[in-house]
């Protein structure tokens, strides 16, 4: 399946620098470099999704104060198919930026947009209703399982609070729903 590229938001010229940007980024961030260098070659559409996410999430940090793209790239490397990798790169973009599902569809096509929309938690649904909806889509399910797995890794935090323990419990229950 060829992913469409009309109405692309990424500046021209960035695509030419994709490989060096991703490699430099991983080398700078440390542990993830092995995942990229071990021969996991990213297809052009996956690289494009990573750049799209990087632009949309620029400057954002996770709970530990680490660049949010470390989480995104970890999830990308935890899934298998090119479509799963594209959705993994984009899984938090709609929720955490001003990018819409329509923009995702214009750039990456309806299949990716559908999975990304399922991964976007609406305030209309409880967390477990949201996870139930995800479970109805194979791509979204695989990406969410990877997302949850990485989010449950409290070793990334300087200290673990009661709130972190409760969050891990919620993630564990969600993971079980997706099996």
Foldseek 3Di string as FASTA:
>chain_A
DDFAAPPPPDDPPVLVCLVVVVLVVDVVVPDCNCLDVVPPDADSLLSSLLRVLCVFQPPDADPQRHRCSVLLVQLLSQDDDNLLNSLSSCQCRVVRGVDDLVSCCNGGNDVSSVLSVLSRDDPVDDPLVSLLSLLVDPSNLSSLLSSLVVLLPCVSHPDADPVNVVVNVVSVVSNVSND
